[in-house]
Amino acid sequence: MTSLSRKDWILLVLLTLCWGINWPIMKMGVQFFPPIAFRSLCMLGSLPILWLAVRSQGASFGISRSDLGTIFKLTIPNVIIWNVCIIVGVKMLSSGRAAILGYTMPIWAVLCGLIFFRDNITRLGWCGIALALSGALLLLSSEFVNMAGQPLGSILALIAAASWGYGTVLMKRTKLNIASIALTFWMILLGAICLGLISALLEYEAWRLPNLTESLALAYNALLVFGFGQAIWFSLARTLPPIASSLSVMMIPVLGVFSGMYLLNETPHWQDFVAMLLILAAMSTVLLKPRTNVIK
């Protein structure tokens, strides 16, 4: 196992905090602003930082025509479906609940590996699937029981997580002659264009200039979440021990719940806390095991 320097640990902690507290920040950004337009602007704003990251690492932007279709194929589940569904889900749900459902992704990755690539699932993996399903059903049931709830938001968050899980599995099985950070740049660019077109079709009448709170949320996402966050992650990914990356991923929904309580005065119900424990247990069966791959 590769050990991390003090600098690496500081960057990993800051990255986890940055992504964790972004859930209530996203909620503030899309509460009254068209959500898909918000996400598209965030992605567009991150492109200069990602461009600088590619240049600083000496990577090439060049892609062959034969790879272009493959990159777009990877962009659909990893960027387009994930971002559209999760940001609309965040608008409908509490930020903490959206974070819990969104980070069922590792379990969906296991299921997609079984369904589409005939991967074998261990007994521990099946246990994780059962735990994650129990947590998701608990949240869904509470949304249906509460007449003011948003079951559609929960369903969209689960679709987003499943799409991200499938995209993660697909990414691991795709061979491209391009650096990871350059691939990220192109996927974010393609995704931003597609989300902009979707927003034009569905949200055009709601387009307007963002207010101060929305502008700050946009800047936070563009600069820190999509920009520096992605660049730092790919820099650390080469040296991260699996246990470090796994614990980082597992902490994000926890931070989402508690930061939502602090920043938005959200009041999680008992179902949220039980579901969070179930899904964290499910993630541990997938992530906290020897020789696991790094999952972002």
Protein backbone atom coordinates (compact mmCIF):
# COMPACT_ATOMS: atom_id res chain seq x y z
CA MET A 1 0.00 0.00 0.00
CA THR A 2 1.35 3.40 -0.98
CA SER A 3 1.58 5.86 1.91
CA LEU A 4 0.40 9.41 1.50
CA SER A 5 2.44 12.46 2.41
CA ARG A 6 1.07 15.09 4.78
CA LYS A 7 0.32 17.28 1.76
CA ASP A 8 -1.63 14.45 0.10
CA TRP A 9 -3.68 13.84 3.24
CA ILE A 10 -4.49 17.55 3.54
CA LEU A 11 -5.58 17.65 -0.11
CA LEU A 12 -7.71 14.51 0.34
CA VAL A 13 -9.43 15.94 3.42
CA LEU A 14 -10.07 19.27 1.68
CA LEU A 15 -11.40 17.45 -1.38
CA THR A 16 -13.78 15.35 0.73
CA LEU A 17 -15.01 18.46 2.55
CA CYS A 18 -15.40 20.34 -0.74
CA TRP A 19 -17.54 17.62 -2.33
CA GLY A 20 -19.43 16.83 0.87
CA ILE A 21 -20.65 20.33 1.70
CA ASN A 22 -21.50 20.95 -1.94
CA TRP A 23 -24.85 19.16 -1.54
CA PRO A 24 -26.53 21.97 0.41
CA ILE A 25 -24.68 24.52 -1.74
CA MET A 26 -26.22 22.94 -4.85
CA LYS A 27 -29.61 23.07 -3.13
CA MET A 28 -29.18 26.81 -2.53
CA GLY A 29 -28.15 27.29 -6.14
CA VAL A 30 -31.14 25.54 -7.73
CA GLN A 31 -33.89 26.38 -5.24
CA PHE A 32 -35.24 29.11 -7.55
CA PHE A 33 -32.92 28.75 -10.56
CA PRO A 34 -33.37 26.31 -13.49
CA PRO A 35 -31.37 23.28 -12.31
CA ILE A 36 -30.06 21.93 -15.62
CA ALA A 37 -28.93 25.41 -16.67
CA PHE A 38 -27.19 25.74 -13.30
CA ARG A 39 -25.25 22.52 -13.81
CA SER A 40 -24.32 23.41 -17.39
CA LEU A 41 -22.94 26.79 -16.29
CA CYS A 42 -20.94 25.11 -13.51
CA MET A 43 -19.35 22.74 -16.00
CA LEU A 44 -18.58 25.49 -18.51
CA GLY A 45 -16.99 27.57 -15.76
CA SER A 46 -14.67 24.71 -14.79
CA LEU A 47 -13.20 24.27 -18.27
CA PRO A 48 -10.42 26.93 -17.97
CA ILE A 49 -9.18 25.30 -14.75
CA LEU A 50 -9.27 21.81 -16.28
CA TRP A 51 -7.48 23.16 -19.36
CA LEU A 52 -4.72 24.54 -17.14
CA ALA A 53 -4.53 21.21 -15.30
CA VAL A 54 -4.04 19.34 -18.57
CA ARG A 55 -1.36 21.78 -19.70
CA SER A 56 0.46 21.71 -16.33
CA GLN A 57 0.65 17.91 -16.46
CA GLY A 58 2.02 18.01 -20.01
CA ALA A 59 -0.86 15.89 -21.31
CA SER A 60 -2.14 16.11 -24.86
CA PHE A 61 -5.62 17.26 -25.82
CA GLY A 62 -5.44 15.34 -29.08
CA ILE A 63 -8.07 12.69 -29.77
CA SER A 64 -8.56 10.56 -32.84
CA ARG A 65 -11.82 10.43 -34.77
CA SER A 66 -12.23 6.79 -33.81
CA ASP A 67 -12.01 7.73 -30.10
CA LEU A 68 -14.51 10.58 -30.34
CA GLY A 69 -17.52 8.27 -30.43
CA THR A 70 -16.16 6.28 -27.49
CA ILE A 71 -15.64 9.44 -25.45
CA PHE A 72 -19.22 10.54 -26.13
CA LYS A 73 -20.43 7.06 -25.18
CA LEU A 74 -18.64 7.44 -21.84
CA THR A 75 -20.00 10.98 -21.41
CA ILE A 76 -23.66 9.90 -21.61
CA PRO A 77 -23.83 7.90 -18.33
CA ASN A 78 -20.93 9.53 -16.46
CA VAL A 79 -21.79 13.16 -17.16
CA ILE A 80 -25.09 13.77 -18.95
CA ILE A 81 -27.55 11.39 -17.24
CA TRP A 82 -25.83 11.66 -13.85
CA ASN A 83 -25.81 15.47 -13.80
CA VAL A 84 -29.33 15.98 -15.21
CA CYS A 85 -30.98 13.51 -12.85
CA ILE A 86 -29.04 14.37 -9.70
CA ILE A 87 -29.43 18.15 -9.99
CA VAL A 88 -33.18 17.87 -10.60
CA GLY A 89 -33.32 15.41 -7.69
CA VAL A 90 -31.50 17.88 -5.45
CA LYS A 91 -34.07 20.56 -6.31
CA MET A 92 -36.90 18.21 -5.25
CA LEU A 93 -35.30 16.61 -2.17
CA SER A 94 -33.42 17.71 0.91
CA SER A 95 -29.73 17.97 0.08
CA GLY A 96 -28.85 15.25 2.61
CA ARG A 97 -31.34 12.76 1.20
CA ALA A 98 -30.10 13.42 -2.34
CA ALA A 99 -26.52 12.78 -1.17
CA ILE A 100 -27.47 9.47 0.47
CA LEU A 101 -29.25 8.21 -2.64
CA GLY A 102 -26.62 9.55 -5.04
CA TYR A 103 -23.85 7.68 -3.25
CA THR A 104 -25.47 4.29 -3.71
CA MET A 105 -23.35 4.41 -6.88
CA PRO A 106 -20.75 1.76 -5.85
CA ILE A 107 -23.54 -0.79 -5.37
CA TRP A 108 -25.01 0.03 -8.78
CA ALA A 109 -21.52 -0.42 -10.26
CA VAL A 110 -21.44 -3.97 -8.87
CA LEU A 111 -24.91 -4.72 -10.26
CA CYS A 112 -24.05 -3.26 -13.68
CA GLY A 113 -20.91 -5.40 -13.77
CA LEU A 114 -23.11 -8.46 -13.21
CA ILE A 115 -25.85 -7.53 -15.68
CA PHE A 116 -23.81 -6.11 -18.56
CA PHE A 117 -20.41 -7.77 -18.16
CA ARG A 118 -21.26 -10.99 -16.27
CA ASP A 119 -18.98 -10.21 -13.37
CA ASN A 120 -19.16 -12.52 -10.38
CA ILE A 121 -20.62 -11.14 -7.14
CA THR A 122 -19.46 -12.52 -3.82
CA ARG A 123 -21.76 -13.21 -0.88
CA LEU A 124 -20.47 -10.01 0.68
CA GLY A 125 -21.40 -8.15 -2.51
CA TRP A 126 -24.96 -9.54 -2.42
CA CYS A 127 -25.16 -8.48 1.23
CA GLY A 128 -24.15 -4.96 0.19
CA ILE A 129 -26.80 -4.90 -2.54
CA ALA A 130 -29.47 -5.96 -0.04
CA LEU A 131 -28.39 -3.26 2.44
CA ALA A 132 -28.36 -0.52 -0.21
CA LEU A 133 -31.74 -1.62 -1.56
CA SER A 134 -33.19 -1.58 1.96
CA GLY A 135 -31.91 1.96 2.53
CA ALA A 136 -33.25 3.21 -0.80
CA LEU A 137 -36.66 1.58 -0.25
CA LEU A 138 -36.84 3.11 3.23
CA LEU A 139 -36.34 6.60 1.81
CA LEU A 140 -38.76 5.96 -1.05
CA SER A 141 -41.43 4.67 1.33
CA SER A 142 -41.15 7.77 3.52
CA GLU A 143 -41.53 9.99 0.43
CA PHE A 144 -44.68 8.15 -0.68
CA VAL A 145 -46.19 8.21 2.83
CA ASN A 146 -45.57 11.95 3.20
CA MET A 147 -48.00 13.72 0.87
CA ALA A 148 -45.58 16.66 0.68
CA GLY A 149 -42.75 14.34 -0.30
CA GLN A 150 -41.05 14.03 -3.66
CA PRO A 151 -40.89 10.36 -4.71
CA LEU A 152 -39.90 11.49 -8.22
CA GLY A 153 -36.86 13.23 -6.76
CA SER A 154 -35.77 10.01 -5.02
CA ILE A 155 -36.29 8.01 -8.22
CA LEU A 156 -34.24 10.52 -10.23
CA ALA A 157 -31.42 10.38 -7.65
CA LEU A 158 -31.38 6.57 -7.91
CA ILE A 159 -31.36 6.76 -11.73
CA ALA A 160 -28.42 9.15 -11.48
CA ALA A 161 -26.54 6.78 -9.16
CA ALA A 162 -27.25 3.79 -11.42
CA SER A 163 -26.05 5.73 -14.46
CA TRP A 164 -22.86 6.77 -12.67
CA GLY A 165 -22.32 3.18 -11.56
CA TYR A 166 -22.72 1.87 -15.10
CA GLY A 167 -20.46 4.62 -16.42
CA THR A 168 -17.78 3.72 -13.86
CA VAL A 169 -17.82 0.08 -14.95
CA LEU A 170 -17.80 1.08 -18.62
CA MET A 171 -14.89 3.44 -18.04
CA LYS A 172 -12.78 0.69 -16.51
CA ARG A 173 -13.37 -1.53 -19.52
CA THR A 174 -12.60 1.11 -22.14
CA LYS A 175 -9.11 1.59 -23.53
CA LEU A 176 -8.27 5.07 -24.81
CA ASN A 177 -4.93 6.63 -25.72
CA ILE A 178 -5.57 9.81 -23.75
CA ALA A 179 -4.59 10.99 -20.27
CA SER A 180 -7.33 10.79 -17.62
CA ILE A 181 -7.33 14.53 -16.95
CA ALA A 182 -7.61 15.30 -20.70
CA LEU A 183 -10.45 12.76 -20.99
CA THR A 184 -12.20 14.55 -18.13
CA PHE A 185 -11.83 17.89 -19.94
CA TRP A 186 -13.47 16.55 -23.11
CA MET A 187 -16.24 14.76 -21.21
CA ILE A 188 -17.07 17.88 -19.18
CA LEU A 189 -17.07 19.99 -22.38
CA LEU A 190 -19.37 17.57 -24.22
CA GLY A 191 -21.58 17.25 -21.16
CA ALA A 192 -21.86 21.02 -20.71
CA ILE A 193 -22.94 21.44 -24.34
CA CYS A 194 -25.54 18.67 -24.07
CA LEU A 195 -26.92 19.99 -20.77
CA GLY A 196 -27.13 23.46 -22.31
CA LEU A 197 -29.22 22.08 -25.17
CA ILE A 198 -31.46 20.13 -22.78
CA SER A 199 -31.93 23.26 -20.68
CA ALA A 200 -32.81 25.27 -23.80
CA LEU A 201 -35.51 22.73 -24.64
CA LEU A 202 -36.97 22.36 -21.15
CA GLU A 203 -36.10 25.52 -19.22
CA TYR A 204 -35.77 28.36 -21.72
CA GLU A 205 -38.70 30.34 -20.32
CA ALA A 206 -37.12 30.21 -16.84
CA TRP A 207 -33.70 31.44 -17.97
CA ARG A 208 -32.51 34.57 -16.16
CA LEU A 209 -29.40 36.02 -14.57
CA PRO A 210 -28.51 34.37 -11.24
CA ASN A 211 -28.82 36.35 -8.02
CA LEU A 212 -25.95 36.69 -5.53
CA THR A 213 -26.57 33.39 -3.72
CA GLU A 214 -26.94 31.50 -6.99
CA SER A 215 -23.82 33.16 -8.39
CA LEU A 216 -21.78 32.10 -5.35
CA ALA A 217 -23.08 28.54 -5.68
CA LEU A 218 -22.17 28.57 -9.38
CA ALA A 219 -18.68 29.84 -8.62
CA TYR A 220 -18.16 27.25 -5.87
CA ASN A 221 -19.14 24.41 -8.20
CA ALA A 222 -17.21 25.69 -11.20
CA LEU A 223 -13.99 26.54 -9.37
CA LEU A 224 -13.85 23.97 -6.56
CA VAL A 225 -16.09 21.01 -7.39
CA PHE A 226 -15.57 20.61 -11.14
CA GLY A 227 -12.34 22.55 -11.51
CA PHE A 228 -9.82 22.14 -8.69
CA GLY A 229 -11.64 19.10 -7.30
CA GLN A 230 -11.27 17.10 -10.49
CA ALA A 231 -7.67 18.17 -11.00
CA ILE A 232 -6.73 17.29 -7.40
CA TRP A 233 -8.52 13.94 -7.59
CA PHE A 234 -6.67 12.82 -10.69
CA SER A 235 -3.41 14.01 -9.18
CA LEU A 236 -4.04 11.96 -6.02
CA ALA A 237 -5.55 8.95 -7.79
CA ARG A 238 -2.11 7.74 -8.82
CA THR A 239 -0.94 7.44 -5.20
CA LEU A 240 -4.14 6.95 -3.17
CA PRO A 241 -4.28 3.70 -1.19
CA PRO A 242 -7.65 1.99 -1.82
CA ILE A 243 -8.66 2.41 1.83
CA ALA A 244 -8.08 6.19 1.67
CA SER A 245 -10.12 6.71 -1.49
CA SER A 246 -12.88 4.43 -0.19
CA LEU A 247 -13.22 6.23 3.13
CA SER A 248 -13.20 9.57 1.30
CA VAL A 249 -16.12 8.44 -0.89
CA MET A 250 -18.01 7.10 2.14
CA MET A 251 -17.66 10.36 4.06
CA ILE A 252 -19.24 12.51 1.33
CA PRO A 253 -22.92 11.57 1.95
CA VAL A 254 -22.38 11.88 5.71
CA LEU A 255 -21.06 15.41 5.20
CA GLY A 256 -23.97 16.08 2.87
CA VAL A 257 -26.49 15.24 5.59
CA PHE A 258 -24.85 17.20 8.40
CA SER A 259 -23.87 20.22 6.31
CA GLY A 260 -27.48 20.39 5.09
CA MET A 261 -28.58 20.49 8.73
CA TYR A 262 -26.16 23.34 9.44
CA LEU A 263 -26.43 25.44 6.27
CA LEU A 264 -30.10 24.93 5.37
CA ASN A 265 -31.63 24.01 8.73
CA GLU A 266 -32.77 20.73 7.22
CA THR A 267 -34.25 18.27 9.70
CA PRO A 268 -33.43 14.69 8.73
CA HIS A 269 -35.97 12.08 9.84
CA TRP A 270 -35.14 8.74 11.40
CA GLN A 271 -35.45 7.17 7.94
CA ASP A 272 -32.57 9.34 6.70
CA PHE A 273 -30.22 8.27 9.48
CA VAL A 274 -31.14 4.57 9.21
CA ALA A 275 -30.83 4.68 5.41
CA MET A 276 -27.46 6.42 5.70
CA LEU A 277 -26.18 3.67 8.01
CA LEU A 278 -27.52 0.95 5.70
CA ILE A 279 -25.96 2.50 2.62
CA LEU A 280 -22.63 3.16 4.37
CA ALA A 281 -22.60 -0.49 5.40
CA ALA A 282 -23.40 -1.46 1.82
CA MET A 283 -20.58 0.73 0.48
CA SER A 284 -18.15 -0.83 2.94
CA THR A 285 -18.83 -4.29 1.50
CA VAL A 286 -17.80 -3.01 -1.94
CA LEU A 287 -15.11 -0.46 -1.16
CA LEU A 288 -13.35 -1.65 1.99
CA LYS A 289 -11.82 -4.83 0.71
CA PRO A 290 -8.33 -5.80 -0.49
CA ARG A 291 -7.28 -4.94 -4.02
CA THR A 292 -10.32 -2.87 -4.77
CA ASN A 293 -10.10 -0.36 -7.62
CA VAL A 294 -10.27 3.34 -6.89
CA ILE A 295 -13.80 4.62 -7.43
CA LYS A 296 -14.43 8.28 -7.69
